[in-house]
Amino acid sequence: ELRDASHLWGKTTHEAREIVEDELDGE
């Protein structure tokens, strides 16, 4: 599934990973 990543653009790899983890039901 393709999901919006506009809020991730400009973030570092570590920042983006943390945001996605918070959004998803997974560890």
mmCIF file of all heavy atoms, coordinates in Angstrom:
data_MODEL
# 
_entry.id   MODEL 
# 
loop_
_atom_site.group_PDB 
_atom_site.id 
_atom_site.type_symbol 
_atom_site.label_atom_id 
_atom_site.label_alt_id 
_atom_site.label_comp_id 
_atom_site.label_asym_id 
_atom_site.label_entity_id 
_atom_site.label_seq_id 
_atom_site.pdbx_PDB_ins_code 
_atom_site.Cartn_x 
_atom_site.Cartn_y 
_atom_site.Cartn_z 
_atom_site.occupancy 
_atom_site.B_iso_or_equiv 
_atom_site.pdbx_formal_charge 
_atom_site.auth_seq_id 
_atom_site.auth_comp_id 
_atom_site.auth_asym_id 
_atom_site.auth_atom_id 
_atom_site.pdbx_PDB_model_num 
ATOM 1   N N   . GLU A 1 1  ? 0.856  -1.186 0.000  1.00 0.00 ? 1  GLU A N   1 
ATOM 2   C CA  . GLU A 1 1  ? 0.000  0.000  0.000  1.00 0.00 ? 1  GLU A CA  1 
ATOM 3   C C   . GLU A 1 1  ? 0.893  1.236  0.000  1.00 0.00 ? 1  GLU A C   1 
ATOM 4   O O   . GLU A 1 1  ? 1.876  1.307  0.743  1.00 0.00 ? 1  GLU A O   1 
ATOM 5   C CB  . GLU A 1 1  ? -0.894 -0.005 1.243  1.00 0.00 ? 1  GLU A CB  1 
ATOM 6   C CG  . GLU A 1 1  ? -1.771 1.225  1.400  1.00 0.00 ? 1  GLU A CG  1 
ATOM 7   C CD  . GLU A 1 1  ? -2.524 1.235  2.716  1.00 0.00 ? 1  GLU A CD  1 
ATOM 8   O OE1 . GLU A 1 1  ? -2.531 0.189  3.409  1.00 0.00 ? 1  GLU A OE1 1 
ATOM 9   O OE2 . GLU A 1 1  ? -3.082 2.293  3.068  1.00 0.00 ? 1  GLU A OE2 1 
ATOM 10  N N   . LEU A 1 2  ? 0.572  2.212  -0.852 1.00 0.00 ? 2  LEU A N   1 
ATOM 11  C CA  . LEU A 1 2  ? 1.290  3.482  -0.858 1.00 0.00 ? 2  LEU A CA  1 
ATOM 12  C C   . LEU A 1 2  ? 0.595  4.457  0.088  1.00 0.00 ? 2  LEU A C   1 
ATOM 13  O O   . LEU A 1 2  ? -0.619 4.661  -0.001 1.00 0.00 ? 2  LEU A O   1 
ATOM 14  C CB  . LEU A 1 2  ? 1.353  4.065  -2.270 1.00 0.00 ? 2  LEU A CB  1 
ATOM 15  C CG  . LEU A 1 2  ? 2.144  3.252  -3.298 1.00 0.00 ? 2  LEU A CG  1 
ATOM 16  C CD1 . LEU A 1 2  ? 2.073  3.916  -4.675 1.00 0.00 ? 2  LEU A CD1 1 
ATOM 17  C CD2 . LEU A 1 2  ? 3.602  3.085  -2.868 1.00 0.00 ? 2  LEU A CD2 1 
ATOM 18  N N   . ARG A 1 3  ? 1.368  5.040  0.989  1.00 0.00 ? 3  ARG A N   1 
ATOM 19  C CA  . ARG A 1 3  ? 0.824  5.946  1.993  1.00 0.00 ? 3  ARG A CA  1 
ATOM 20  C C   . ARG A 1 3  ? 1.528  7.304  1.915  1.00 0.00 ? 3  ARG A C   1 
ATOM 21  O O   . ARG A 1 3  ? 2.675  7.391  1.507  1.00 0.00 ? 3  ARG A O   1 
ATOM 22  C CB  . ARG A 1 3  ? 0.981  5.361  3.396  1.00 0.00 ? 3  ARG A CB  1 
ATOM 23  C CG  . ARG A 1 3  ? 0.214  4.056  3.581  1.00 0.00 ? 3  ARG A CG  1 
ATOM 24  C CD  . ARG A 1 3  ? 0.307  3.556  5.012  1.00 0.00 ? 3  ARG A CD  1 
ATOM 25  N NE  . ARG A 1 3  ? -0.531 2.370  5.224  1.00 0.00 ? 3  ARG A NE  1 
ATOM 26  C CZ  . ARG A 1 3  ? -0.682 1.764  6.399  1.00 0.00 ? 3  ARG A CZ  1 
ATOM 27  N NH1 . ARG A 1 3  ? -0.030 2.217  7.473  1.00 0.00 ? 3  ARG A NH1 1 
ATOM 28  N NH2 . ARG A 1 3  ? -1.474 0.699  6.505  1.00 0.00 ? 3  ARG A NH2 1 
ATOM 29  N N   . ASP A 1 4  ? 0.823  8.329  2.344  1.00 0.00 ? 4  ASP A N   1 
ATOM 30  C CA  . ASP A 1 4  ? 1.363  9.686  2.307  1.00 0.00 ? 4  ASP A CA  1 
ATOM 31  C C   . ASP A 1 4  ? 2.597  9.806  3.197  1.00 0.00 ? 4  ASP A C   1 
ATOM 32  O O   . ASP A 1 4  ? 2.610  9.324  4.335  1.00 0.00 ? 4  ASP A O   1 
ATOM 33  C CB  . ASP A 1 4  ? 0.295  10.675 2.775  1.00 0.00 ? 4  ASP A CB  1 
ATOM 34  C CG  . ASP A 1 4  ? 0.831  12.093 2.823  1.00 0.00 ? 4  ASP A CG  1 
ATOM 35  O OD1 . ASP A 1 4  ? 1.353  12.568 1.804  1.00 0.00 ? 4  ASP A OD1 1 
ATOM 36  O OD2 . ASP A 1 4  ? 0.756  12.714 3.902  1.00 0.00 ? 4  ASP A OD2 1 
ATOM 37  N N   . ALA A 1 5  ? 3.637  10.432 2.662  1.00 0.00 ? 5  ALA A N   1 
ATOM 38  C CA  . ALA A 1 5  ? 4.860  10.652 3.432  1.00 0.00 ? 5  ALA A CA  1 
ATOM 39  C C   . ALA A 1 5  ? 5.259  12.125 3.441  1.00 0.00 ? 5  ALA A C   1 
ATOM 40  O O   . ALA A 1 5  ? 6.416  12.452 3.719  1.00 0.00 ? 5  ALA A O   1 
ATOM 41  C CB  . ALA A 1 5  ? 5.997  9.801  2.857  1.00 0.00 ? 5  ALA A CB  1 
ATOM 42  N N   . SER A 1 6  ? 4.316  13.014 3.163  1.00 0.00 ? 6  SER A N   1 
ATOM 43  C CA  . SER A 1 6  ? 4.634  14.441 3.137  1.00 0.00 ? 6  SER A CA  1 
ATOM 44  C C   . SER A 1 6  ? 5.187  14.914 4.473  1.00 0.00 ? 6  SER A C   1 
ATOM 45  O O   . SER A 1 6  ? 6.085  15.767 4.520  1.00 0.00 ? 6  SER A O   1 
ATOM 46  C CB  . SER A 1 6  ? 3.386  15.256 2.770  1.00 0.00 ? 6  SER A CB  1 
ATOM 47  O OG  . SER A 1 6  ? 2.908  14.894 1.489  1.00 0.00 ? 6  SER A OG  1 
ATOM 48  N N   . HIS A 1 7  ? 4.659  14.344 5.563  1.00 0.00 ? 7  HIS A N   1 
ATOM 49  C CA  . HIS A 1 7  ? 5.112  14.754 6.892  1.00 0.00 ? 7  HIS A CA  1 
ATOM 50  C C   . HIS A 1 7  ? 6.484  14.190 7.241  1.00 0.00 ? 7  HIS A C   1 
ATOM 51  O O   . HIS A 1 7  ? 7.093  14.603 8.232  1.00 0.00 ? 7  HIS A O   1 
ATOM 52  C CB  . HIS A 1 7  ? 4.095  14.310 7.939  1.00 0.00 ? 7  HIS A CB  1 
ATOM 53  C CG  . HIS A 1 7  ? 3.858  12.828 7.992  1.00 0.00 ? 7  HIS A CG  1 
ATOM 54  N ND1 . HIS A 1 7  ? 3.509  12.074 6.882  1.00 0.00 ? 7  HIS A ND1 1 
ATOM 55  C CD2 . HIS A 1 7  ? 3.929  11.940 9.021  1.00 0.00 ? 7  HIS A CD2 1 
ATOM 56  C CE1 . HIS A 1 7  ? 3.368  10.816 7.226  1.00 0.00 ? 7  HIS A CE1 1 
ATOM 57  N NE2 . HIS A 1 7  ? 3.623  10.700 8.506  1.00 0.00 ? 7  HIS A NE2 1 
ATOM 58  N N   . LEU A 1 8  ? 6.961  13.251 6.425  1.00 0.00 ? 8  LEU A N   1 
ATOM 59  C CA  . LEU A 1 8  ? 8.275  12.645 6.658  1.00 0.00 ? 8  LEU A CA  1 
ATOM 60  C C   . LEU A 1 8  ? 9.369  13.306 5.826  1.00 0.00 ? 8  LEU A C   1 
ATOM 61  O O   . LEU A 1 8  ? 10.554 13.171 6.147  1.00 0.00 ? 8  LEU A O   1 
ATOM 62  C CB  . LEU A 1 8  ? 8.240  11.152 6.324  1.00 0.00 ? 8  LEU A CB  1 
ATOM 63  C CG  . LEU A 1 8  ? 7.190  10.298 7.027  1.00 0.00 ? 8  LEU A CG  1 
ATOM 64  C CD1 . LEU A 1 8  ? 7.248  8.862  6.510  1.00 0.00 ? 8  LEU A CD1 1 
ATOM 65  C CD2 . LEU A 1 8  ? 7.386  10.334 8.534  1.00 0.00 ? 8  LEU A CD2 1 
ATOM 66  N N   . TRP A 1 9  ? 8.960  14.003 4.752  1.00 0.00 ? 9  TRP A N   1 
ATOM 67  C CA  . TRP A 1 9  ? 9.952  14.592 3.840  1.00 0.00 ? 9  TRP A CA  1 
ATOM 68  C C   . TRP A 1 9  ? 10.742 15.679 4.573  1.00 0.00 ? 9  TRP A C   1 
ATOM 69  O O   . TRP A 1 9  ? 10.177 16.507 5.282  1.00 0.00 ? 9  TRP A O   1 
ATOM 70  C CB  . TRP A 1 9  ? 9.249  15.180 2.629  1.00 0.00 ? 9  TRP A CB  1 
ATOM 71  C CG  . TRP A 1 9  ? 10.116 15.238 1.407  1.00 0.00 ? 9  TRP A CG  1 
ATOM 72  C CD1 . TRP A 1 9  ? 10.674 16.343 0.853  1.00 0.00 ? 9  TRP A CD1 1 
ATOM 73  C CD2 . TRP A 1 9  ? 10.496 14.134 0.586  1.00 0.00 ? 9  TRP A CD2 1 
ATOM 74  N NE1 . TRP A 1 9  ? 11.385 15.997 -0.272 1.00 0.00 ? 9  TRP A NE1 1 
ATOM 75  C CE2 . TRP A 1 9  ? 11.296 14.653 -0.464 1.00 0.00 ? 9  TRP A CE2 1 
ATOM 76  C CE3 . TRP A 1 9  ? 10.261 12.766 0.621  1.00 0.00 ? 9  TRP A CE3 1 
ATOM 77  C CZ2 . TRP A 1 9  ? 11.851 13.845 -1.458 1.00 0.00 ? 9  TRP A CZ2 1 
ATOM 78  C CZ3 . TRP A 1 9  ? 10.810 11.963 -0.365 1.00 0.00 ? 9  TRP A CZ3 1 
ATOM 79  C CH2 . TRP A 1 9  ? 11.589 12.492 -1.387 1.00 0.00 ? 9  TRP A CH2 1 
ATOM 80  N N   . GLY A 1 10 ? 12.033 15.650 4.410  1.00 0.00 ? 10 GLY A N   1 
ATOM 81  C CA  . GLY A 1 10 ? 12.902 16.595 5.105  1.00 0.00 ? 10 GLY A CA  1 
ATOM 82  C C   . GLY A 1 10 ? 13.421 16.083 6.431  1.00 0.00 ? 10 GLY A C   1 
ATOM 83  O O   . GLY A 1 10 ? 14.345 16.660 7.009  1.00 0.00 ? 10 GLY A O   1 
ATOM 84  N N   . LYS A 1 11 ? 12.838 14.993 6.903  1.00 0.00 ? 11 LYS A N   1 
ATOM 85  C CA  . LYS A 1 11 ? 13.287 14.408 8.164  1.00 0.00 ? 11 LYS A CA  1 
ATOM 86  C C   . LYS A 1 11 ? 14.519 13.532 7.930  1.00 0.00 ? 11 LYS A C   1 
ATOM 87  O O   . LYS A 1 11 ? 14.715 12.983 6.850  1.00 0.00 ? 11 LYS A O   1 
ATOM 88  C CB  . LYS A 1 11 ? 12.182 13.545 8.789  1.00 0.00 ? 11 LYS A CB  1 
ATOM 89  C CG  . LYS A 1 11 ? 10.866 14.269 9.038  1.00 0.00 ? 11 LYS A CG  1 
ATOM 90  C CD  . LYS A 1 11 ? 11.011 15.352 10.087 1.00 0.00 ? 11 LYS A CD  1 
ATOM 91  C CE  . LYS A 1 11 ? 9.661  15.975 10.418 1.00 0.00 ? 11 LYS A CE  1 
ATOM 92  N NZ  . LYS A 1 11 ? 9.792  17.099 11.387 1.00 0.00 ? 11 LYS A NZ  1 
ATOM 93  N N   . THR A 1 12 ? 15.327 13.389 8.971  1.00 0.00 ? 12 THR A N   1 
ATOM 94  C CA  . THR A 1 12 ? 16.432 12.439 8.888  1.00 0.00 ? 12 THR A CA  1 
ATOM 95  C C   . THR A 1 12 ? 15.871 11.019 8.900  1.00 0.00 ? 12 THR A C   1 
ATOM 96  O O   . THR A 1 12 ? 14.697 10.800 9.221  1.00 0.00 ? 12 THR A O   1 
ATOM 97  C CB  . THR A 1 12 ? 17.407 12.607 10.057 1.00 0.00 ? 12 THR A CB  1 
ATOM 98  O OG1 . THR A 1 12 ? 16.774 12.186 11.273 1.00 0.00 ? 12 THR A OG1 1 
ATOM 99  C CG2 . THR A 1 12 ? 17.893 14.042 10.188 1.00 0.00 ? 12 THR A CG2 1 
ATOM 100 N N   . THR A 1 13 ? 16.695 10.065 8.562  1.00 0.00 ? 13 THR A N   1 
ATOM 101 C CA  . THR A 1 13 ? 16.236 8.674  8.550  1.00 0.00 ? 13 THR A CA  1 
ATOM 102 C C   . THR A 1 13 ? 15.776 8.235  9.928  1.00 0.00 ? 13 THR A C   1 
ATOM 103 O O   . THR A 1 13 ? 14.779 7.515  10.057 1.00 0.00 ? 13 THR A O   1 
ATOM 104 C CB  . THR A 1 13 ? 17.363 7.743  8.073  1.00 0.00 ? 13 THR A CB  1 
ATOM 105 O OG1 . THR A 1 13 ? 18.486 7.854  8.939  1.00 0.00 ? 13 THR A OG1 1 
ATOM 106 C CG2 . THR A 1 13 ? 17.785 8.075  6.652  1.00 0.00 ? 13 THR A CG2 1 
ATOM 107 N N   . HIS A 1 14 ? 16.478 8.668  10.966 1.00 0.00 ? 14 HIS A N   1 
ATOM 108 C CA  . HIS A 1 14 ? 16.109 8.262  12.328 1.00 0.00 ? 14 HIS A CA  1 
ATOM 109 C C   . HIS A 1 14 ? 14.800 8.917  12.747 1.00 0.00 ? 14 HIS A C   1 
ATOM 110 O O   . HIS A 1 14 ? 13.946 8.279  13.374 1.00 0.00 ? 14 HIS A O   1 
ATOM 111 C CB  . HIS A 1 14 ? 17.221 8.633  13.302 1.00 0.00 ? 14 HIS A CB  1 
ATOM 112 C CG  . HIS A 1 14 ? 18.500 7.880  13.068 1.00 0.00 ? 14 HIS A CG  1 
ATOM 113 N ND1 . HIS A 1 14 ? 19.624 8.067  13.837 1.00 0.00 ? 14 HIS A ND1 1 
ATOM 114 C CD2 . HIS A 1 14 ? 18.842 6.930  12.157 1.00 0.00 ? 14 HIS A CD2 1 
ATOM 115 C CE1 . HIS A 1 14 ? 20.603 7.280  13.418 1.00 0.00 ? 14 HIS A CE1 1 
ATOM 116 N NE2 . HIS A 1 14 ? 20.144 6.586  12.388 1.00 0.00 ? 14 HIS A NE2 1 
ATOM 117 N N   . GLU A 1 15 ? 14.634 10.199 12.418 1.00 0.00 ? 15 GLU A N   1 
ATOM 118 C CA  . GLU A 1 15 ? 13.389 10.896 12.761 1.00 0.00 ? 15 GLU A CA  1 
ATOM 119 C C   . GLU A 1 15 ? 12.203 10.271 12.045 1.00 0.00 ? 15 GLU A C   1 
ATOM 120 O O   . GLU A 1 15 ? 11.140 10.041 12.653 1.00 0.00 ? 15 GLU A O   1 
ATOM 121 C CB  . GLU A 1 15 ? 13.503 12.364 12.378 1.00 0.00 ? 15 GLU A CB  1 
ATOM 122 C CG  . GLU A 1 15 ? 14.461 13.167 13.236 1.00 0.00 ? 15 GLU A CG  1 
ATOM 123 C CD  . GLU A 1 15 ? 14.752 14.542 12.660 1.00 0.00 ? 15 GLU A CD  1 
ATOM 124 O OE1 . GLU A 1 15 ? 14.510 14.751 11.447 1.00 0.00 ? 15 GLU A OE1 1 
ATOM 125 O OE2 . GLU A 1 15 ? 15.226 15.416 13.414 1.00 0.00 ? 15 GLU A OE2 1 
ATOM 126 N N   . ALA A 1 16 ? 12.359 9.986  10.764 1.00 0.00 ? 16 ALA A N   1 
ATOM 127 C CA  . ALA A 1 16 ? 11.260 9.393  9.991  1.00 0.00 ? 16 ALA A CA  1 
ATOM 128 C C   . ALA A 1 16 ? 10.896 8.022  10.524 1.00 0.00 ? 16 ALA A C   1 
ATOM 129 O O   . ALA A 1 16 ? 9.708  7.675  10.617 1.00 0.00 ? 16 ALA A O   1 
ATOM 130 C CB  . ALA A 1 16 ? 11.654 9.306  8.515  1.00 0.00 ? 16 ALA A CB  1 
ATOM 131 N N   . ARG A 1 17 ? 11.884 7.240  10.879 1.00 0.00 ? 17 ARG A N   1 
ATOM 132 C CA  . ARG A 1 17 ? 11.611 5.909  11.431 1.00 0.00 ? 17 ARG A CA  1 
ATOM 133 C C   . ARG A 1 17 ? 10.815 6.005  12.714 1.00 0.00 ? 17 ARG A C   1 
ATOM 134 O O   . ARG A 1 17 ? 9.845  5.255  12.924 1.00 0.00 ? 17 ARG A O   1 
ATOM 135 C CB  . ARG A 1 17 ? 12.926 5.169  11.655 1.00 0.00 ? 17 ARG A CB  1 
ATOM 136 C CG  . ARG A 1 17 ? 12.786 3.694  11.971 1.00 0.00 ? 17 ARG A CG  1 
ATOM 137 C CD  . ARG A 1 17 ? 12.652 3.390  13.445 1.00 0.00 ? 17 ARG A CD  1 
ATOM 138 N NE  . ARG A 1 17 ? 13.822 3.776  14.187 1.00 0.00 ? 17 ARG A NE  1 
ATOM 139 C CZ  . ARG A 1 17 ? 13.854 3.859  15.519 1.00 0.00 ? 17 ARG A CZ  1 
ATOM 140 N NH1 . ARG A 1 17 ? 12.783 3.619  16.231 1.00 0.00 ? 17 ARG A NH1 1 
ATOM 141 N NH2 . ARG A 1 17 ? 14.965 4.215  16.131 1.00 0.00 ? 17 ARG A NH2 1 
ATOM 142 N N   . GLU A 1 18 ? 11.165 6.923  13.588 1.00 0.00 ? 18 GLU A N   1 
ATOM 143 C CA  . GLU A 1 18 ? 10.452 7.082  14.858 1.00 0.00 ? 18 GLU A CA  1 
ATOM 144 C C   . GLU A 1 18 ? 9.004  7.502  14.626 1.00 0.00 ? 18 GLU A C   1 
ATOM 145 O O   . GLU A 1 18 ? 8.083  7.019  15.312 1.00 0.00 ? 18 GLU A O   1 
ATOM 146 C CB  . GLU A 1 18 ? 11.175 8.108  15.724 1.00 0.00 ? 18 GLU A CB  1 
ATOM 147 C CG  . GLU A 1 18 ? 12.519 7.622  16.255 1.00 0.00 ? 18 GLU A CG  1 
ATOM 148 C CD  . GLU A 1 18 ? 13.304 8.721  16.947 1.00 0.00 ? 18 GLU A CD  1 
ATOM 149 O OE1 . GLU A 1 18 ? 12.822 9.888  16.952 1.00 0.00 ? 18 GLU A OE1 1 
ATOM 150 O OE2 . GLU A 1 18 ? 14.407 8.436  17.457 1.00 0.00 ? 18 GLU A OE2 1 
ATOM 151 N N   . ILE A 1 19 ? 8.774  8.397  13.657 1.00 0.00 ? 19 ILE A N   1 
ATOM 152 C CA  . ILE A 1 19 ? 7.413  8.853  13.372 1.00 0.00 ? 19 ILE A CA  1 
ATOM 153 C C   . ILE A 1 19 ? 6.566  7.696  12.845 1.00 0.00 ? 19 ILE A C   1 
ATOM 154 O O   . ILE A 1 19 ? 5.421  7.491  13.287 1.00 0.00 ? 19 ILE A O   1 
ATOM 155 C CB  . ILE A 1 19 ? 7.439  10.015 12.352 1.00 0.00 ? 19 ILE A CB  1 
ATOM 156 C CG1 . ILE A 1 19 ? 8.081  11.257 12.982 1.00 0.00 ? 19 ILE A CG1 1 
ATOM 157 C CG2 . ILE A 1 19 ? 6.023  10.333 11.860 1.00 0.00 ? 19 ILE A CG2 1 
ATOM 158 C CD1 . ILE A 1 19 ? 8.374  12.365 11.989 1.00 0.00 ? 19 ILE A CD1 1 
ATOM 159 N N   . VAL A 1 20 ? 7.108  6.929  11.925 1.00 0.00 ? 20 VAL A N   1 
ATOM 160 C CA  . VAL A 1 20 ? 6.366  5.808  11.339 1.00 0.00 ? 20 VAL A CA  1 
ATOM 161 C C   . VAL A 1 20 ? 6.062  4.761  12.404 1.00 0.00 ? 20 VAL A C   1 
ATOM 162 O O   . VAL A 1 20 ? 4.950  4.208  12.448 1.00 0.00 ? 20 VAL A O   1 
ATOM 163 C CB  . VAL A 1 20 ? 7.144  5.191  10.163 1.00 0.00 ? 20 VAL A CB  1 
ATOM 164 C CG1 . VAL A 1 20 ? 6.528  3.861  9.740  1.00 0.00 ? 20 VAL A CG1 1 
ATOM 165 C CG2 . VAL A 1 20 ? 7.172  6.151  8.988  1.00 0.00 ? 20 VAL A CG2 1 
ATOM 166 N N   . GLU A 1 21 ? 7.014  4.498  13.264 1.00 0.00 ? 21 GLU A N   1 
ATOM 167 C CA  . GLU A 1 21 ? 6.781  3.514  14.310 1.00 0.00 ? 21 GLU A CA  1 
ATOM 168 C C   . GLU A 1 21 ? 5.630  3.954  15.225 1.00 0.00 ? 21 GLU A C   1 
ATOM 169 O O   . GLU A 1 21 ? 4.782  3.138  15.619 1.00 0.00 ? 21 GLU A O   1 
ATOM 170 C CB  . GLU A 1 21 ? 8.044  3.301  15.135 1.00 0.00 ? 21 GLU A CB  1 
ATOM 171 C CG  . GLU A 1 21 ? 7.873  2.238  16.234 1.00 0.00 ? 21 GLU A CG  1 
ATOM 172 C CD  . GLU A 1 21 ? 9.122  2.066  17.086 1.00 0.00 ? 21 GLU A CD  1 
ATOM 173 O OE1 . GLU A 1 21 ? 10.029 2.894  16.980 1.00 0.00 ? 21 GLU A OE1 1 
ATOM 174 O OE2 . GLU A 1 21 ? 9.152  1.086  17.843 1.00 0.00 ? 21 GLU A OE2 1 
ATOM 175 N N   . ASP A 1 22 ? 5.580  5.232  15.539 1.00 0.00 ? 22 ASP A N   1 
ATOM 176 C CA  . ASP A 1 22 ? 4.501  5.749  16.390 1.00 0.00 ? 22 ASP A CA  1 
ATOM 177 C C   . ASP A 1 22 ? 3.142  5.622  15.703 1.00 0.00 ? 22 ASP A C   1 
ATOM 178 O O   . ASP A 1 22 ? 2.118  5.440  16.370 1.00 0.00 ? 22 ASP A O   1 
ATOM 179 C CB  . ASP A 1 22 ? 4.754  7.218  16.737 1.00 0.00 ? 22 ASP A CB  1 
ATOM 180 C CG  . ASP A 1 22 ? 5.900  7.403  17.726 1.00 0.00 ? 22 ASP A CG  1 
ATOM 181 O OD1 . ASP A 1 22 ? 6.269  6.415  18.396 1.00 0.00 ? 22 ASP A OD1 1 
ATOM 182 O OD2 . ASP A 1 22 ? 6.418  8.528  17.822 1.00 0.00 ? 22 ASP A OD2 1 
ATOM 183 N N   . GLU A 1 23 ? 3.140  5.705  14.381 1.00 0.00 ? 23 GLU A N   1 
ATOM 184 C CA  . GLU A 1 23 ? 1.886  5.671  13.632 1.00 0.00 ? 23 GLU A CA  1 
ATOM 185 C C   . GLU A 1 23 ? 1.353  4.258  13.424 1.00 0.00 ? 23 GLU A C   1 
ATOM 186 O O   . GLU A 1 23 ? 0.149  4.066  13.209 1.00 0.00 ? 23 GLU A O   1 
ATOM 187 C CB  . GLU A 1 23 ? 2.076  6.327  12.258 1.00 0.00 ? 23 GLU A CB  1 
ATOM 188 C CG  . GLU A 1 23 ? 2.339  7.825  12.321 1.00 0.00 ? 23 GLU A CG  1 
ATOM 189 C CD  . GLU A 1 23 ? 2.643  8.418  10.946 1.00 0.00 ? 23 GLU A CD  1 
ATOM 190 O OE1 . GLU A 1 23 ? 2.846  7.625  10.001 1.00 0.00 ? 23 GLU A OE1 1 
ATOM 191 O OE2 . GLU A 1 23 ? 2.645  9.647  10.847 1.00 0.00 ? 23 GLU A OE2 1 
ATOM 192 N N   . LEU A 1 24 ? 2.229  3.277  13.460 1.00 0.00 ? 24 LEU A N   1 
ATOM 193 C CA  . LEU A 1 24 ? 1.844  1.911  13.113 1.00 0.00 ? 24 LEU A CA  1 
ATOM 194 C C   . LEU A 1 24 ? 1.713  1.038  14.344 1.00 0.00 ? 24 LEU A C   1 
ATOM 195 O O   . LEU A 1 24 ? 2.360  1.262  15.364 1.00 0.00 ? 24 LEU A O   1 
ATOM 196 C CB  . LEU A 1 24 ? 2.879  1.296  12.164 1.00 0.00 ? 24 LEU A CB  1 
ATOM 197 C CG  . LEU A 1 24 ? 3.032  1.985  10.806 1.00 0.00 ? 24 LEU A CG  1 
ATOM 198 C CD1 . LEU A 1 24 ? 4.153  1.347  10.012 1.00 0.00 ? 24 LEU A CD1 1 
ATOM 199 C CD2 . LEU A 1 24 ? 1.727  1.929  10.012 1.00 0.00 ? 24 LEU A CD2 1 
ATOM 200 N N   . ASP A 1 25 ? 0.879  0.033  14.206 1.00 0.00 ? 25 ASP A N   1 
ATOM 201 C CA  . ASP A 1 25 ? 0.688  -0.937 15.286 1.00 0.00 ? 25 ASP A CA  1 
ATOM 202 C C   . ASP A 1 25 ? 1.710  -2.055 15.128 1.00 0.00 ? 25 ASP A C   1 
ATOM 203 O O   . ASP A 1 25 ? 1.412  -3.150 14.675 1.00 0.00 ? 25 ASP A O   1 
ATOM 204 C CB  . ASP A 1 25 ? -0.734 -1.507 15.229 1.00 0.00 ? 25 ASP A CB  1 
ATOM 205 C CG  . ASP A 1 25 ? -0.980 -2.509 16.341 1.00 0.00 ? 25 ASP A CG  1 
ATOM 206 O OD1 . ASP A 1 25 ? -0.255 -2.463 17.352 1.00 0.00 ? 25 ASP A OD1 1 
ATOM 207 O OD2 . ASP A 1 25 ? -1.888 -3.344 16.181 1.00 0.00 ? 25 ASP A OD2 1 
ATOM 208 N N   . GLY A 1 26 ? 2.929  -1.742 15.477 1.00 0.00 ? 26 GLY A N   1 
ATOM 209 C CA  . GLY A 1 26 ? 4.001  -2.725 15.366 1.00 0.00 ? 26 GLY A CA  1 
ATOM 210 C C   . GLY A 1 26 ? 5.195  -2.255 16.157 1.00 0.00 ? 26 GLY A C   1 
ATOM 211 O O   . GLY A 1 26 ? 5.370  -1.061 16.396 1.00 0.00 ? 26 GLY A O   1 
ATOM 212 N N   . GLU A 1 27 ? 6.013  -3.171 16.570 1.00 0.00 ? 27 GLU A N   1 
ATOM 213 C CA  . GLU A 1 27 ? 7.173  -2.832 17.381 1.00 0.00 ? 27 GLU A CA  1 
ATOM 214 C C   . GLU A 1 27 ? 8.419  -2.900 16.518 1.00 0.00 ? 27 GLU A C   1 
ATOM 215 O O   . GLU A 1 27 ? 8.777  -3.948 15.984 1.00 0.00 ? 27 GLU A O   1 
ATOM 216 C CB  . GLU A 1 27 ? 7.304  -3.775 18.576 1.00 0.00 ? 27 GLU A CB  1 
ATOM 217 C CG  . GLU A 1 27 ? 8.416  -3.370 19.535 1.00 0.00 ? 27 GLU A CG  1 
ATOM 218 C CD  . GLU A 1 27 ? 8.479  -4.273 20.756 1.00 0.00 ? 27 GLU A CD  1 
ATOM 219 O OE1 . GLU A 1 27 ? 7.601  -5.145 20.897 1.00 0.00 ? 27 GLU A OE1 1 
ATOM 220 O OE2 . GLU A 1 27 ? 9.408  -4.102 21.562 1.00 0.00 ? 27 GLU A OE2 1 
# 
